[in-house]
Amino acid sequence: MHLPKTLFGALLALSIPCAALAQECGGDFSAWRAGVEAEAAAQGVGANGLAALRNASFDQRIVNRDRAQGVFTQTFREFANRMINDYRLSNGRRNLERYADTFARAEREFGVPGPVITAFWALETDFGAVQGDFSTLNALATLAYDCRRPELFRPELIALLKLIDQGAVPANVTGAWAGEIGQLQMLPSDYLNLGVDGDGDGRVDLKASAPDAILTAANKISSLGWRRGEPWLEEVRIPDSLPWDKTGRVNKLSRAEWASLGVTRRDGSPLPADDLPAGLVLPMGHKGPAFLAYPNFDIYLDWNQSLVYTLTAAHLAARLDGAPPFDPRSPEPGLEAETIKLLQQKLADRGHDVGGIDGILGFNTREAVRKEQLRLGLPADGWPTPALLTGL
């Protein structure tokens, strides 16, 4: 006899001790998994999805990966020069031609240009060649059980169970260590809610079908608020003297206002004198490369919160759209990861929220650096230098 899913979920919930249902993370893995099973059943996951969950296991390798994301300690120049290579540029251009009709549909229906999607496709999986070989089920179960970010990964685990229950993916589906699936590394909730059948075969397959992956990514980017027909990032030239309190990604001025302050396009030509807002991003300080980040750049940060990664993805998209390589200029020497930890501790001791003493130059640390640079009379560019550390 097949019970209705809602009744099945209610009966299963009654069979699980209340303590297990309340166990959000940690503790006995089997008891925690039983609580997830009751929650999943209550949300409509059927027998196939629940059976898959019962086979899920904890994988310490996933936790180790989550704790050691060393890529985010690289500077923008180091990361971008490594990731934007001839292979990704040449294959990106070939794929833009090969799937021209699919990219045209993506821009027509979702407003997202092909180079933007292609840059993510290149950086995430090298156009589907490297999608990851971790068990997605075990990865999400591990991250949901781990108490670092259960509020993010528990819903993703249940979304995966729904995909398995519907037959959209097999129980042994593989992907990245953090639970992303497919050629553009979509989380299960995006697969479930935003999946698009791009090749017309009646199903969404983000692992094997490039058109499905491209259009689903376009739908995802659009859902985050992408503004049709607007730029995302532009390299610029800045004068030696600026009102430094105006810089920083979150401080928006119109292009007309930036032009009045002496900011020009990279080739020295004037910026359009319009009211399109932009923040001035100086990833390696005022002597390094400079970019105007438009509202669409904020969508990149919804995709990935690392400024180094998102600037690289946005610049790669610009390269695929015809822009030249960025000018590295001559930035002041920065700080190594261990020294950044010392800096973060000094900033925290002064009352700044740096987001953790982790050696990563994230948004909170950059903003704290800017405030101290302003206090010390230094150019407030968010780039920590030995001189700043000495000043503190």
Protein backbone atom coordinates (compact mmCIF):
# COMPACT_ATOMS: atom_id res chain seq x y z
CA MET A 1 0.00 0.00 0.00
CA HIS A 2 1.33 3.48 -0.90
CA LEU A 3 0.55 6.11 1.69
CA PRO A 4 0.09 9.74 0.54
CA LYS A 5 3.38 11.59 0.95
CA THR A 6 2.00 14.01 3.55
CA LEU A 7 0.57 11.18 5.66
CA PHE A 8 3.78 9.18 5.27
CA GLY A 9 5.77 12.17 6.47
CA ALA A 10 3.53 12.67 9.47
CA LEU A 11 3.75 9.02 10.48
CA LEU A 12 7.52 9.02 10.04
CA ALA A 13 7.83 12.17 12.13
CA LEU A 14 5.89 10.51 14.94
CA SER A 15 8.31 7.58 14.85
CA ILE A 16 11.40 9.79 15.36
CA PRO A 17 12.27 11.00 18.87
CA CYS A 18 11.75 14.73 19.35
CA ALA A 19 15.43 15.16 20.26
CA ALA A 20 16.46 13.90 16.83
CA LEU A 21 14.09 16.30 15.08
CA ALA A 22 15.57 19.20 17.03
CA GLN A 23 19.16 18.20 16.24
CA GLU A 24 20.20 20.75 13.64
CA CYS A 25 23.81 19.61 13.38
CA GLY A 26 26.49 17.54 15.07
CA GLY A 27 26.00 14.79 17.62
CA ASP A 28 25.15 11.25 16.64
CA PHE A 29 25.13 11.08 12.83
CA SER A 30 22.42 8.42 12.63
CA ALA A 31 20.11 10.39 14.92
CA TRP A 32 20.78 13.57 12.94
CA ARG A 33 20.08 11.77 9.67
CA ALA A 34 16.79 10.45 11.08
CA GLY A 35 15.75 14.02 11.83
CA VAL A 36 16.57 15.08 8.27
CA GLU A 37 14.55 12.12 6.98
CA ALA A 38 11.49 13.23 8.92
CA GLU A 39 11.88 16.81 7.67
CA ALA A 40 12.37 15.65 4.08
CA ALA A 41 9.30 13.41 4.24
CA ALA A 42 7.25 16.29 5.60
CA GLN A 43 8.38 18.35 2.59
CA GLY A 44 7.13 15.73 0.15
CA VAL A 45 10.22 13.62 -0.51
CA GLY A 46 9.07 10.11 -1.38
CA ALA A 47 10.43 6.63 -0.89
CA ASN A 48 13.27 6.83 -3.44
CA GLY A 49 14.71 10.01 -1.98
CA LEU A 50 14.39 8.80 1.60
CA ALA A 51 16.03 5.48 0.74
CA ALA A 52 18.98 7.38 -0.73
CA LEU A 53 19.33 9.45 2.44
CA ARG A 54 19.58 6.31 4.57
CA ASN A 55 22.74 5.40 2.63
CA ALA A 56 24.35 8.82 3.10
CA SER A 57 27.55 8.86 5.14
CA PHE A 58 29.86 11.40 6.72
CA ASP A 59 33.03 12.19 4.72
CA GLN A 60 35.85 13.87 6.64
CA ARG A 61 37.52 14.88 3.34
CA ILE A 62 34.64 17.30 2.74
CA VAL A 63 35.17 19.04 6.08
CA ASN A 64 38.90 19.25 5.39
CA ARG A 65 38.22 20.91 2.03
CA ASP A 66 35.78 23.33 3.62
CA ARG A 67 38.35 24.40 6.20
CA ALA A 68 41.27 24.84 3.78
CA GLN A 69 40.22 27.04 0.86
CA GLY A 70 43.72 28.35 0.22
CA VAL A 71 42.84 29.80 -3.20
CA PHE A 72 41.25 32.79 -1.47
CA THR A 73 44.61 33.87 -0.04
CA GLN A 74 45.94 34.63 -3.53
CA THR A 75 46.01 38.18 -4.86
CA PHE A 76 43.85 39.18 -7.78
CA ARG A 77 46.87 39.32 -10.09
CA GLU A 78 48.07 35.85 -9.03
CA PHE A 79 44.66 34.25 -9.36
CA ALA A 80 43.59 36.01 -12.57
CA ASN A 81 46.86 35.34 -14.37
CA ARG A 82 46.59 31.66 -13.51
CA MET A 83 42.91 31.24 -14.34
CA ILE A 84 42.62 33.39 -17.48
CA ASN A 85 44.79 31.36 -19.83
CA ASP A 86 44.95 30.67 -23.55
CA TYR A 87 43.00 27.42 -23.18
CA ARG A 88 40.01 29.09 -21.54
CA LEU A 89 40.06 32.05 -23.90
CA SER A 90 40.30 29.99 -27.10
CA ASN A 91 37.81 27.34 -25.99
CA GLY A 92 35.50 30.01 -24.64
CA ARG A 93 35.37 31.72 -28.02
CA ARG A 94 34.83 28.38 -29.77
CA ASN A 95 31.95 27.51 -27.47
CA LEU A 96 30.37 30.91 -27.98
CA GLU A 97 30.29 30.08 -31.69
CA ARG A 98 29.31 26.42 -31.27
CA TYR A 99 26.33 27.23 -29.04
CA ALA A 100 25.52 30.59 -30.62
CA ASP A 101 21.80 29.78 -30.85
CA THR A 102 21.65 28.73 -27.19
CA PHE A 103 23.48 31.87 -26.06
CA ALA A 104 21.17 34.00 -28.20
CA ARG A 105 18.21 32.38 -26.47
CA ALA A 106 19.83 33.01 -23.07
CA GLU A 107 20.17 36.71 -23.80
CA ARG A 108 16.74 36.94 -25.38
CA GLU A 109 14.87 35.20 -22.56
CA PHE A 110 17.00 36.12 -19.54
CA GLY A 111 19.01 39.18 -20.60
CA VAL A 112 22.38 37.58 -19.78
CA PRO A 113 25.16 37.89 -22.41
CA GLY A 114 26.98 34.80 -23.61
CA PRO A 115 30.46 35.89 -22.43
CA VAL A 116 29.20 36.19 -18.85
CA ILE A 117 27.91 32.61 -18.81
CA THR A 118 30.93 31.31 -20.70
CA ALA A 119 33.36 32.80 -18.18
CA PHE A 120 31.63 30.96 -15.33
CA TRP A 121 31.55 27.80 -17.46
CA ALA A 122 35.31 28.08 -18.00
CA LEU A 123 36.26 28.76 -14.38
CA GLU A 124 33.87 26.29 -12.78
CA THR A 125 34.56 23.14 -14.84
CA ASP A 126 36.67 23.96 -17.92
CA PHE A 127 33.52 23.68 -20.05
CA GLY A 128 32.32 20.48 -18.37
CA ALA A 129 35.64 18.61 -18.39
CA VAL A 130 36.19 18.73 -14.61
CA GLN A 131 32.87 18.47 -12.78
CA GLY A 132 34.13 16.78 -9.61
CA ASP A 133 33.97 13.20 -8.46
CA PHE A 134 32.66 13.59 -4.91
CA SER A 135 29.41 11.91 -3.95
CA THR A 136 26.98 14.83 -3.91
CA LEU A 137 24.78 13.06 -1.39
CA ASN A 138 27.63 12.46 1.05
CA ALA A 139 29.05 15.93 0.49
CA LEU A 140 25.79 17.68 1.34
CA ALA A 141 25.04 15.33 4.21
CA THR A 142 28.48 16.05 5.66
CA LEU A 143 28.19 19.83 5.27
CA ALA A 144 24.65 19.86 6.65
CA TYR A 145 25.73 17.74 9.63
CA ASP A 146 28.83 19.88 10.26
CA CYS A 147 27.96 22.85 12.45
CA ARG A 148 29.78 25.48 10.41
CA ARG A 149 26.95 26.30 7.94
CA PRO A 150 24.04 23.89 8.44
CA GLU A 151 21.49 26.60 7.61
CA LEU A 152 22.89 26.68 4.05
CA PHE A 153 23.44 23.00 3.38
CA ARG A 154 20.48 21.30 5.08
CA PRO A 155 17.99 22.82 2.58
CA GLU A 156 20.35 21.85 -0.26
CA LEU A 157 20.42 18.26 1.00
CA ILE A 158 16.63 18.12 0.99
CA ALA A 159 16.54 19.67 -2.50
CA LEU A 160 18.92 16.92 -3.67
CA LEU A 161 16.64 14.28 -2.18
CA LYS A 162 13.76 15.77 -4.18
CA LEU A 163 15.83 15.58 -7.38
CA ILE A 164 16.67 11.95 -6.65
CA ASP A 165 13.05 11.16 -5.84
CA GLN A 166 11.91 12.71 -9.12
CA GLY A 167 14.54 10.81 -11.11
CA ALA A 168 16.25 14.01 -12.24
CA VAL A 169 19.59 12.76 -10.91
CA PRO A 170 20.69 9.31 -9.67
CA ALA A 171 21.38 8.69 -6.00
CA ASN A 172 25.08 8.26 -6.84
CA VAL A 173 25.37 11.59 -8.69
CA THR A 174 28.81 13.18 -8.34
CA GLY A 175 30.04 16.74 -8.38
CA ALA A 176 32.11 19.28 -6.47
CA TRP A 177 33.04 18.84 -2.81
CA ALA A 178 30.56 21.54 -1.74
CA GLY A 179 27.57 19.83 -3.40
CA GLU A 180 27.41 21.66 -6.74
CA ILE A 181 26.36 19.64 -9.77
CA GLY A 182 26.98 19.93 -13.49
CA GLN A 183 28.91 21.94 -16.02
CA LEU A 184 28.19 25.26 -14.32
CA GLN A 185 28.16 23.89 -10.77
CA MET A 186 24.58 24.50 -9.70
CA LEU A 187 23.43 23.74 -6.17
CA PRO A 188 20.50 21.31 -5.97
CA SER A 189 17.98 24.06 -5.13
CA ASP A 190 18.93 25.88 -8.36
CA TYR A 191 18.76 22.62 -10.31
CA LEU A 192 15.32 21.96 -8.85
CA ASN A 193 13.81 25.43 -9.13
CA LEU A 194 15.62 27.07 -12.06
CA GLY A 195 16.51 24.16 -14.35
CA VAL A 196 15.82 24.79 -18.05
CA ASP A 197 15.54 22.12 -20.75
CA GLY A 198 17.78 23.73 -23.33
CA ASP A 199 18.08 20.88 -25.82
CA GLY A 200 14.37 19.99 -25.92
CA ASP A 201 14.68 16.36 -24.83
CA GLY A 202 12.08 16.73 -22.09
CA ARG A 203 14.44 16.69 -19.12
CA VAL A 204 17.07 18.88 -17.47
CA ASP A 205 20.54 17.34 -17.44
CA LEU A 206 23.12 19.78 -16.13
CA LYS A 207 25.97 17.28 -16.33
CA ALA A 208 25.77 16.05 -19.92
CA SER A 209 23.80 18.75 -21.78
CA ALA A 210 25.62 22.01 -22.45
CA PRO A 211 22.39 23.80 -23.62
CA ASP A 212 20.64 22.78 -20.39
CA ALA A 213 23.59 24.01 -18.32
CA ILE A 214 23.89 27.31 -20.22
CA LEU A 215 20.21 28.22 -19.98
CA THR A 216 19.93 27.15 -16.35
CA ALA A 217 22.90 29.36 -15.51
CA ALA A 218 21.26 32.24 -17.40
CA ASN A 219 18.07 31.70 -15.41
CA LYS A 220 20.07 31.65 -12.18
CA ILE A 221 21.94 34.87 -13.01
CA SER A 222 18.70 36.55 -14.07
CA SER A 223 16.99 35.49 -10.85
CA LEU A 224 19.70 37.29 -8.88
CA GLY A 225 18.73 40.60 -10.52
CA TRP A 226 20.89 40.92 -13.65
CA ARG A 227 20.15 44.20 -15.45
CA ARG A 228 19.61 43.59 -19.16
CA GLY A 229 21.83 45.55 -21.54
CA GLU A 230 24.14 47.00 -18.87
CA PRO A 231 27.90 46.42 -18.41
CA TRP A 232 29.34 44.57 -15.44
CA LEU A 233 33.01 45.62 -15.12
CA GLU A 234 35.29 48.10 -16.84
CA GLU A 235 38.99 48.75 -16.38
CA VAL A 236 39.76 52.44 -15.83
CA ARG A 237 42.57 54.88 -15.17
CA ILE A 238 42.53 56.87 -11.95
CA PRO A 239 44.39 60.07 -11.05
CA ASP A 240 47.01 60.11 -8.30
CA SER A 241 44.70 62.10 -6.08
CA LEU A 242 41.13 61.04 -5.39
CA PRO A 243 38.71 61.59 -2.51
CA TRP A 244 39.53 58.16 -1.11
CA ASP A 245 36.44 58.02 1.05
CA LYS A 246 34.48 57.67 -2.22
CA THR A 247 36.26 54.49 -3.30
CA GLY A 248 35.21 50.91 -2.56
CA ARG A 249 32.72 48.67 -4.29
CA VAL A 250 29.77 49.67 -2.11
CA ASN A 251 30.30 53.42 -2.54
CA LYS A 252 28.46 54.18 -5.76
CA LEU A 253 28.90 57.29 -7.86
CA SER A 254 27.54 57.93 -11.33
CA ARG A 255 29.90 57.63 -14.26
CA ALA A 256 29.50 61.37 -14.74
CA GLU A 257 30.71 61.94 -11.17
CA TRP A 258 33.68 59.60 -11.61
CA ALA A 259 34.56 61.43 -14.81
CA SER A 260 34.48 64.75 -12.96
CA LEU A 261 37.01 63.31 -10.49
CA GLY A 262 39.44 62.47 -13.30
CA VAL A 263 38.62 58.80 -13.84
CA THR A 264 38.84 57.78 -17.50
CA ARG A 265 38.52 54.65 -19.55
CA ARG A 266 41.64 52.54 -19.77
CA ASP A 267 42.69 54.11 -23.08
CA GLY A 268 42.33 57.62 -21.66
CA SER A 269 39.03 58.40 -23.38
CA PRO A 270 36.29 59.97 -21.25
CA LEU A 271 33.67 57.95 -19.47
CA PRO A 272 30.07 58.44 -20.63
CA ALA A 273 28.59 61.36 -18.73
CA ASP A 274 25.54 59.41 -17.59
CA ASP A 275 23.98 58.41 -14.28
CA LEU A 276 24.87 54.70 -14.36
CA PRO A 277 26.17 53.98 -10.84
CA ALA A 278 29.50 52.28 -10.22
CA GLY A 279 31.92 51.57 -7.40
CA LEU A 280 35.67 51.95 -7.85
CA VAL A 281 37.38 48.64 -7.06
CA LEU A 282 41.11 48.59 -6.37
CA PRO A 283 41.88 44.92 -5.71
CA MET A 284 45.62 45.56 -5.13
CA GLY A 285 45.51 49.17 -3.99
CA HIS A 286 45.65 52.51 -5.73
CA LYS A 287 48.86 51.63 -7.56
CA GLY A 288 47.43 48.41 -9.00
CA PRO A 289 44.70 47.70 -11.56
CA ALA A 290 41.49 49.71 -11.20
CA PHE A 291 37.95 48.82 -12.22
CA LEU A 292 34.52 50.40 -12.19
CA ALA A 293 32.11 47.78 -10.87
CA TYR A 294 28.57 48.34 -12.15
CA PRO A 295 25.34 47.03 -10.55
CA ASN A 296 25.63 43.79 -12.54
CA PHE A 297 28.94 43.08 -10.80
CA ASP A 298 27.01 42.66 -7.56
CA ILE A 299 25.38 39.61 -9.17
CA TYR A 300 28.82 38.01 -9.43
CA LEU A 301 29.18 38.37 -5.66
CA ASP A 302 25.86 36.57 -5.20
CA TRP A 303 27.35 33.70 -7.24
CA ASN A 304 30.59 33.65 -5.23
CA GLN A 305 31.48 35.94 -2.32
CA SER A 306 35.23 36.06 -3.04
CA LEU A 307 36.22 39.40 -4.59
CA VAL A 308 39.28 37.81 -6.20
CA TYR A 309 37.20 35.08 -7.87
CA THR A 310 34.42 37.40 -8.99
CA LEU A 311 36.78 40.02 -10.41
CA THR A 312 38.53 37.24 -12.32
CA ALA A 313 35.24 35.88 -13.66
CA ALA A 314 34.04 39.35 -14.63
CA HIS A 315 37.33 40.23 -16.33
CA LEU A 316 37.37 36.91 -18.19
CA ALA A 317 33.86 37.70 -19.44
CA ALA A 318 35.11 41.10 -20.57
CA ARG A 319 38.04 39.44 -22.37
CA LEU A 320 35.64 37.09 -24.16
CA ASP A 321 33.64 40.18 -25.07
CA GLY A 322 36.69 41.82 -26.67
CA ALA A 323 38.49 43.67 -23.84
CA PRO A 324 42.30 43.52 -23.59
CA PRO A 325 44.18 41.99 -20.64
CA PHE A 326 44.16 44.19 -17.55
CA ASP A 327 47.16 46.42 -16.90
CA PRO A 328 48.93 45.00 -13.82
CA ARG A 329 50.64 48.36 -13.11
CA SER A 330 52.93 48.38 -10.06
CA PRO A 331 51.03 47.73 -6.84
CA GLU A 332 52.67 48.15 -3.46
CA PRO A 333 53.74 44.84 -1.86
CA GLY A 334 50.94 43.29 0.15
CA LEU A 335 50.91 40.96 3.13
CA GLU A 336 51.20 37.18 3.30
CA ALA A 337 48.34 35.16 4.77
CA GLU A 338 49.95 34.75 8.19
CA THR A 339 50.70 38.48 8.37
CA ILE A 340 47.11 39.25 7.35
CA LYS A 341 46.01 37.22 10.38
CA LEU A 342 48.14 39.51 12.56
CA LEU A 343 46.60 42.52 10.84
CA GLN A 344 43.09 41.14 11.35
CA GLN A 345 43.76 40.64 15.04
CA LYS A 346 44.98 44.23 15.37
CA LEU A 347 41.89 45.47 13.52
CA ALA A 348 39.60 43.33 15.67
CA ASP A 349 41.29 44.69 18.80
CA ARG A 350 40.36 48.18 17.56
CA GLY A 351 36.70 47.17 17.32
CA HIS A 352 36.46 46.33 13.62
CA ASP A 353 34.45 43.35 12.35
CA VAL A 354 36.90 41.55 10.06
CA GLY A 355 34.74 38.44 9.61
CA GLY A 356 37.22 36.10 11.30
CA ILE A 357 40.98 35.80 11.82
CA ASP A 358 41.57 33.61 8.78
CA GLY A 359 44.27 35.27 6.68
CA ILE A 360 41.78 35.94 3.87
CA LEU A 361 41.43 39.48 2.56
CA GLY A 362 37.65 39.45 2.40
CA PHE A 363 35.14 42.29 2.23
CA ASN A 364 35.00 42.96 5.99
CA THR A 365 38.79 43.06 6.30
CA ARG A 366 39.11 45.39 3.30
CA GLU A 367 36.51 47.76 4.77
CA ALA A 368 38.27 47.76 8.14
CA VAL A 369 41.56 48.51 6.36
CA ARG A 370 39.91 51.42 4.52
CA LYS A 371 38.67 52.94 7.79
CA GLU A 372 42.12 52.71 9.38
CA GLN A 373 43.77 54.12 6.26
CA LEU A 374 41.44 57.12 6.42
CA ARG A 375 42.24 57.57 10.10
CA LEU A 376 45.98 57.42 9.42
CA GLY A 377 45.82 59.78 6.43
CA LEU A 378 46.72 57.05 3.91
CA PRO A 379 45.02 56.46 0.55
CA ALA A 380 41.94 54.45 1.57
CA ASP A 381 42.16 51.74 -1.07
CA GLY A 382 41.52 48.68 1.15
CA TRP A 383 44.91 47.16 0.30
CA PRO A 384 46.90 46.27 3.45
CA THR A 385 50.61 47.00 3.22
CA PRO A 386 53.54 46.69 5.62
CA ALA A 387 53.30 50.46 6.13
CA LEU A 388 49.73 50.12 7.34
CA LEU A 389 50.67 47.30 9.69
CA THR A 390 53.46 49.45 11.10
CA GLY A 391 51.06 52.35 11.50
CA LEU A 392 48.75 50.16 13.56
